Amino acid sequence: MSSRRVLKAAEAIREVVSMAILTEVRDPRVKNVTVTLVELSGDMKTAKIHVSVMGDAKQEKLSLLGLQNSAGFLQSRIADRIETRYTPRLSFELDKGVKNSLEVARILAEVLPKPPASPPVEMEDGEAEEEEMLDATTLDEEDDETSEPRMEHG
């Protein structure tokens, strides 16, 4: 079980790496990337960063390659912002969780029957007339507030 200190450091690393990818990494291959999880070793010398990439398999491979090339830059950002004895070595891994959940939702939508549309609720004649009258008076009141006063000739 991970200690509280390691979990807090992993969360801090996730925040730093997320912001750096979003705002500072200039590699055109790294786009539509979300950092989902950081696994930090007990000695805090290595960190496995799980990322989700929106796009096809080619885009995922390109983004992972760009992130691997940017690892040194990201490690320097971690060193600048987090006070630790060691700056962890970063490795990146594709997180398929988001894509898998979207696929499961699509399959469920195909398999499960669609709920039937509920028929309109029928009311007794008296209730329906009262409701129509209430709607008409509210409309008249709204018209009076928004338009100029009406002058009736008679």
C-alpha atoms as a PDB file:
ATOM      1  CA  MET A   1       0.000   0.000   0.000  1.00  0.00           C
ATOM      2  CA  SER A   2       1.303   3.447  -0.921  1.00  0.00           C
ATOM      3  CA  SER A   3       1.996   5.909   1.813  1.00  0.00           C
ATOM      4  CA  ARG A   4       0.133   9.156   2.055  1.00  0.00           C
ATOM      5  CA  ARG A   5       3.321  11.046   1.173  1.00  0.00           C
ATOM      6  CA  VAL A   6       3.761   9.118  -2.089  1.00  0.00           C
ATOM      7  CA  LEU A   7       0.096   9.633  -3.023  1.00  0.00           C
ATOM      8  CA  LYS A   8       0.337  13.382  -2.414  1.00  0.00           C
ATOM      9  CA  ALA A   9       3.542  13.591  -4.446  1.00  0.00           C
ATOM     10  CA  ALA A  10       1.912  11.610  -7.288  1.00  0.00           C
ATOM     11  CA  GLU A  11      -1.035  14.021  -7.342  1.00  0.00           C
ATOM     12  CA  ALA A  12       1.302  17.027  -7.360  1.00  0.00           C
ATOM     13  CA  ILE A  13       3.268  15.513 -10.244  1.00  0.00           C
ATOM     14  CA  ARG A  14       0.019  14.878 -12.137  1.00  0.00           C
ATOM     15  CA  GLU A  15      -0.961  18.547 -11.766  1.00  0.00           C
ATOM     16  CA  VAL A  16       2.465  19.848 -12.825  1.00  0.00           C
ATOM     17  CA  VAL A  17       2.722  17.520 -15.830  1.00  0.00           C
ATOM     18  CA  SER A  18      -0.872  18.248 -16.905  1.00  0.00           C
ATOM     19  CA  MET A  19      -0.345  21.992 -16.886  1.00  0.00           C
ATOM     20  CA  ALA A  20       3.048  21.731 -18.575  1.00  0.00           C
ATOM     21  CA  ILE A  21       1.623  19.568 -21.370  1.00  0.00           C
ATOM     22  CA  LEU A  22      -1.281  21.945 -21.814  1.00  0.00           C
ATOM     23  CA  THR A  23       0.624  25.222 -21.736  1.00  0.00           C
ATOM     24  CA  GLU A  24       4.354  24.674 -22.256  1.00  0.00           C
ATOM     25  CA  VAL A  25       5.035  21.635 -24.465  1.00  0.00           C
ATOM     26  CA  ARG A  26       5.437  22.908 -28.022  1.00  0.00           C
ATOM     27  CA  ASP A  27       5.732  19.528 -29.755  1.00  0.00           C
ATOM     28  CA  PRO A  28       3.016  19.410 -32.470  1.00  0.00           C
ATOM     29  CA  ARG A  29       2.615  15.660 -31.921  1.00  0.00           C
ATOM     30  CA  VAL A  30       1.390  16.236 -28.366  1.00  0.00           C
ATOM     31  CA  LYS A  31      -2.220  17.361 -28.657  1.00  0.00           C
ATOM     32  CA  ASN A  32      -5.524  16.278 -27.146  1.00  0.00           C
ATOM     33  CA  VAL A  33      -3.654  14.625 -24.260  1.00  0.00           C
ATOM     34  CA  THR A  34      -5.091  14.247 -20.764  1.00  0.00           C
ATOM     35  CA  VAL A  35      -3.085  12.987 -17.807  1.00  0.00           C
ATOM     36  CA  THR A  36      -5.345  10.528 -16.003  1.00  0.00           C
ATOM     37  CA  LEU A  37      -3.104   8.963 -13.365  1.00  0.00           C
ATOM     38  CA  VAL A  38       0.446   8.996 -12.023  1.00  0.00           C
ATOM     39  CA  GLU A  39       1.924   5.878 -10.431  1.00  0.00           C
ATOM     40  CA  LEU A  40       4.910   6.816  -8.304  1.00  0.00           C
ATOM     41  CA  SER A  41       7.339   4.195  -6.980  1.00  0.00           C
ATOM     42  CA  GLY A  42       7.859   3.930  -3.222  1.00  0.00           C
ATOM     43  CA  ASP A  43      11.342   5.450  -3.438  1.00  0.00           C
ATOM     44  CA  MET A  44       9.935   8.250  -5.657  1.00  0.00           C
ATOM     45  CA  LYS A  45      12.594   7.693  -8.322  1.00  0.00           C
ATOM     46  CA  THR A  46      10.283   6.596 -11.134  1.00  0.00           C
ATOM     47  CA  ALA A  47       6.845   7.744 -12.191  1.00  0.00           C
ATOM     48  CA  LYS A  48       4.578   6.081 -14.709  1.00  0.00           C
ATOM     49  CA  ILE A  49       2.228   8.651 -16.210  1.00  0.00           C
ATOM     50  CA  HIS A  50      -1.010   7.342 -17.684  1.00  0.00           C
ATOM     51  CA  VAL A  51      -2.385   9.527 -20.470  1.00  0.00           C
ATOM     52  CA  SER A  52      -5.550   9.461 -22.531  1.00  0.00           C
ATOM     53  CA  VAL A  53      -5.360  10.677 -26.125  1.00  0.00           C
ATOM     54  CA  MET A  54      -8.423  11.693 -28.103  1.00  0.00           C
ATOM     55  CA  GLY A  55      -7.926  10.473 -31.640  1.00  0.00           C
ATOM     56  CA  ASP A  56      -7.161   7.366 -33.640  1.00  0.00           C
ATOM     57  CA  ALA A  57      -4.360   4.843 -33.030  1.00  0.00           C
ATOM     58  CA  LYS A  58      -1.925   6.842 -35.177  1.00  0.00           C
ATOM     59  CA  GLN A  59      -2.530   9.987 -33.113  1.00  0.00           C
ATOM     60  CA  GLU A  60      -2.039   7.981 -29.903  1.00  0.00           C
ATOM     61  CA  LYS A  61       1.339   6.647 -31.086  1.00  0.00           C
ATOM     62  CA  LEU A  62       2.477  10.104 -32.205  1.00  0.00           C
ATOM     63  CA  SER A  63       1.444  11.667 -28.902  1.00  0.00           C
ATOM     64  CA  LEU A  64       3.237   8.994 -26.867  1.00  0.00           C
ATOM     65  CA  LEU A  65       6.388   9.476 -28.943  1.00  0.00           C
ATOM     66  CA  GLY A  66       6.192  13.248 -28.457  1.00  0.00           C
ATOM     67  CA  LEU A  67       5.691  12.817 -24.705  1.00  0.00           C
ATOM     68  CA  GLN A  68       8.688  10.465 -24.459  1.00  0.00           C
ATOM     69  CA  ASN A  69      10.775  13.079 -26.257  1.00  0.00           C
ATOM     70  CA  SER A  70       9.460  15.777 -23.896  1.00  0.00           C
ATOM     71  CA  ALA A  71      10.138  13.706 -20.748  1.00  0.00           C
ATOM     72  CA  GLY A  72      13.336  15.598 -19.872  1.00  0.00           C
ATOM     73  CA  PHE A  73      11.581  18.950 -20.191  1.00  0.00           C
ATOM     74  CA  LEU A  74       8.694  17.717 -18.035  1.00  0.00           C
ATOM     75  CA  GLN A  75      11.128  16.379 -15.421  1.00  0.00           C
ATOM     76  CA  SER A  76      12.730  19.816 -15.237  1.00  0.00           C
ATOM     77  CA  ARG A  77       9.287  21.368 -14.671  1.00  0.00           C
ATOM     78  CA  ILE A  78       8.673  18.892 -11.837  1.00  0.00           C
ATOM     79  CA  ALA A  79      12.073  19.735 -10.316  1.00  0.00           C
ATOM     80  CA  ASP A  80      11.267  23.467 -10.504  1.00  0.00           C
ATOM     81  CA  ARG A  81       7.908  23.179  -8.771  1.00  0.00           C
ATOM     82  CA  ILE A  82       8.211  20.261  -6.335  1.00  0.00           C
ATOM     83  CA  GLU A  83      10.821  20.045  -3.582  1.00  0.00           C
ATOM     84  CA  THR A  84      12.005  16.420  -3.448  1.00  0.00           C
ATOM     85  CA  ARG A  85      15.356  14.759  -3.033  1.00  0.00           C
ATOM     86  CA  TYR A  86      15.004  12.984  -6.382  1.00  0.00           C
ATOM     87  CA  THR A  87      13.198  14.059  -9.504  1.00  0.00           C
ATOM     88  CA  PRO A  88      11.420  10.963 -10.760  1.00  0.00           C
ATOM     89  CA  ARG A  89      12.192   9.519 -14.192  1.00  0.00           C
ATOM     90  CA  LEU A  90       9.047   9.720 -16.284  1.00  0.00           C
ATOM     91  CA  SER A  91       7.606   7.014 -18.484  1.00  0.00           C
ATOM     92  CA  PHE A  92       4.339   7.354 -20.341  1.00  0.00           C
ATOM     93  CA  GLU A  93       1.650   4.750 -20.819  1.00  0.00           C
ATOM     94  CA  LEU A  94      -1.576   4.940 -22.780  1.00  0.00           C
ATOM     95  CA  ASP A  95      -4.705   4.769 -20.620  1.00  0.00           C
ATOM     96  CA  LYS A  96      -7.447   2.975 -22.528  1.00  0.00           C
ATOM     97  CA  GLY A  97     -10.010   3.454 -19.745  1.00  0.00           C
ATOM     98  CA  VAL A  98     -11.814   6.403 -21.362  1.00  0.00           C
ATOM     99  CA  LYS A  99     -12.022   4.754 -24.786  1.00  0.00           C
ATOM    100  CA  ASN A 100     -13.148   1.463 -23.234  1.00  0.00           C
ATOM    101  CA  SER A 101     -15.935   3.175 -21.298  1.00  0.00           C
ATOM    102  CA  LEU A 102     -17.143   4.941 -24.459  1.00  0.00           C
ATOM    103  CA  GLU A 103     -17.155   1.621 -26.308  1.00  0.00           C
ATOM    104  CA  VAL A 104     -19.093  -0.079 -23.486  1.00  0.00           C
ATOM    105  CA  ALA A 105     -21.671   2.738 -23.522  1.00  0.00           C
ATOM    106  CA  ARG A 106     -22.061   2.389 -27.307  1.00  0.00           C
ATOM    107  CA  ILE A 107     -22.559  -1.389 -27.046  1.00  0.00           C
ATOM    108  CA  LEU A 108     -25.070  -0.994 -24.223  1.00  0.00           C
ATOM    109  CA  ALA A 109     -27.026   1.553 -26.239  1.00  0.00           C
ATOM    110  CA  GLU A 110     -27.262  -0.975 -29.097  1.00  0.00           C
ATOM    111  CA  VAL A 111     -28.198  -3.932 -26.910  1.00  0.00           C
ATOM    112  CA  LEU A 112     -30.576  -2.438 -24.357  1.00  0.00           C
ATOM    113  CA  PRO A 113     -34.145  -1.747 -25.482  1.00  0.00           C
ATOM    114  CA  LYS A 114     -35.117   1.865 -25.727  1.00  0.00           C
ATOM    115  CA  PRO A 115     -37.770   2.928 -23.182  1.00  0.00           C
ATOM    116  CA  PRO A 116     -41.165   3.551 -24.803  1.00  0.00           C
ATOM    117  CA  ALA A 117     -42.287   7.147 -25.060  1.00  0.00           C
ATOM    118  CA  SER A 118     -44.783   7.870 -22.306  1.00  0.00           C
ATOM    119  CA  PRO A 119     -48.250   8.843 -23.573  1.00  0.00           C
ATOM    120  CA  PRO A 120     -49.532  12.279 -22.587  1.00  0.00           C
ATOM    121  CA  VAL A 121     -51.460  12.306 -19.322  1.00  0.00           C
ATOM    122  CA  GLU A 122     -55.143  12.891 -19.903  1.00  0.00           C
ATOM    123  CA  MET A 123     -56.950  15.113 -17.455  1.00  0.00           C
ATOM    124  CA  GLU A 124     -60.608  15.526 -16.736  1.00  0.00           C
ATOM    125  CA  ASP A 125     -62.297  18.243 -18.787  1.00  0.00           C
ATOM    126  CA  GLY A 126     -62.674  20.643 -15.865  1.00  0.00           C
ATOM    127  CA  GLU A 127     -59.006  20.465 -14.929  1.00  0.00           C
ATOM    128  CA  ALA A 128     -57.844  21.013 -18.493  1.00  0.00           C
ATOM    129  CA  GLU A 129     -60.052  24.087 -18.899  1.00  0.00           C
ATOM    130  CA  GLU A 130     -58.808  25.595 -15.633  1.00  0.00           C
ATOM    131  CA  GLU A 131     -55.220  25.058 -16.697  1.00  0.00           C
ATOM    132  CA  GLU A 132     -55.854  26.684 -20.094  1.00  0.00           C
ATOM    133  CA  MET A 133     -57.456  29.651 -18.386  1.00  0.00           C
ATOM    134  CA  LEU A 134     -54.487  30.022 -16.035  1.00  0.00           C
ATOM    135  CA  ASP A 135     -52.086  29.895 -18.989  1.00  0.00           C
ATOM    136  CA  ALA A 136     -54.100  32.552 -20.836  1.00  0.00           C
ATOM    137  CA  THR A 137     -54.124  34.932 -17.857  1.00  0.00           C
ATOM    138  CA  THR A 138     -50.394  34.526 -17.315  1.00  0.00           C
ATOM    139  CA  LEU A 139     -49.764  35.338 -20.948  1.00  0.00           C
ATOM    140  CA  ASP A 140     -51.952  38.451 -20.707  1.00  0.00           C
ATOM    141  CA  GLU A 141     -50.073  39.597 -17.577  1.00  0.00           C
ATOM    142  CA  GLU A 142     -46.737  39.091 -19.300  1.00  0.00           C
ATOM    143  CA  ASP A 143     -47.908  41.079 -22.318  1.00  0.00           C
ATOM    144  CA  ASP A 144     -49.029  43.933 -20.055  1.00  0.00           C
ATOM    145  CA  GLU A 145     -45.622  44.146 -18.405  1.00  0.00           C
ATOM    146  CA  THR A 146     -43.566  44.072 -21.588  1.00  0.00           C
ATOM    147  CA  SER A 147     -45.593  46.188 -23.982  1.00  0.00           C
ATOM    148  CA  GLU A 148     -47.036  49.670 -23.955  1.00  0.00           C
ATOM    149  CA  PRO A 149     -50.434  50.220 -22.314  1.00  0.00           C
ATOM    150  CA  ARG A 150     -53.347  49.387 -24.563  1.00  0.00           C
ATOM    151  CA  MET A 151     -56.000  51.952 -25.284  1.00  0.00           C
ATOM    152  CA  GLU A 152     -59.478  50.625 -25.834  1.00  0.00           C
ATOM    153  CA  HIS A 153     -61.982  52.595 -27.811  1.00  0.00           C
ATOM    154  CA  GLY A 154     -65.543  52.064 -26.995  1.00  0.00           C
END
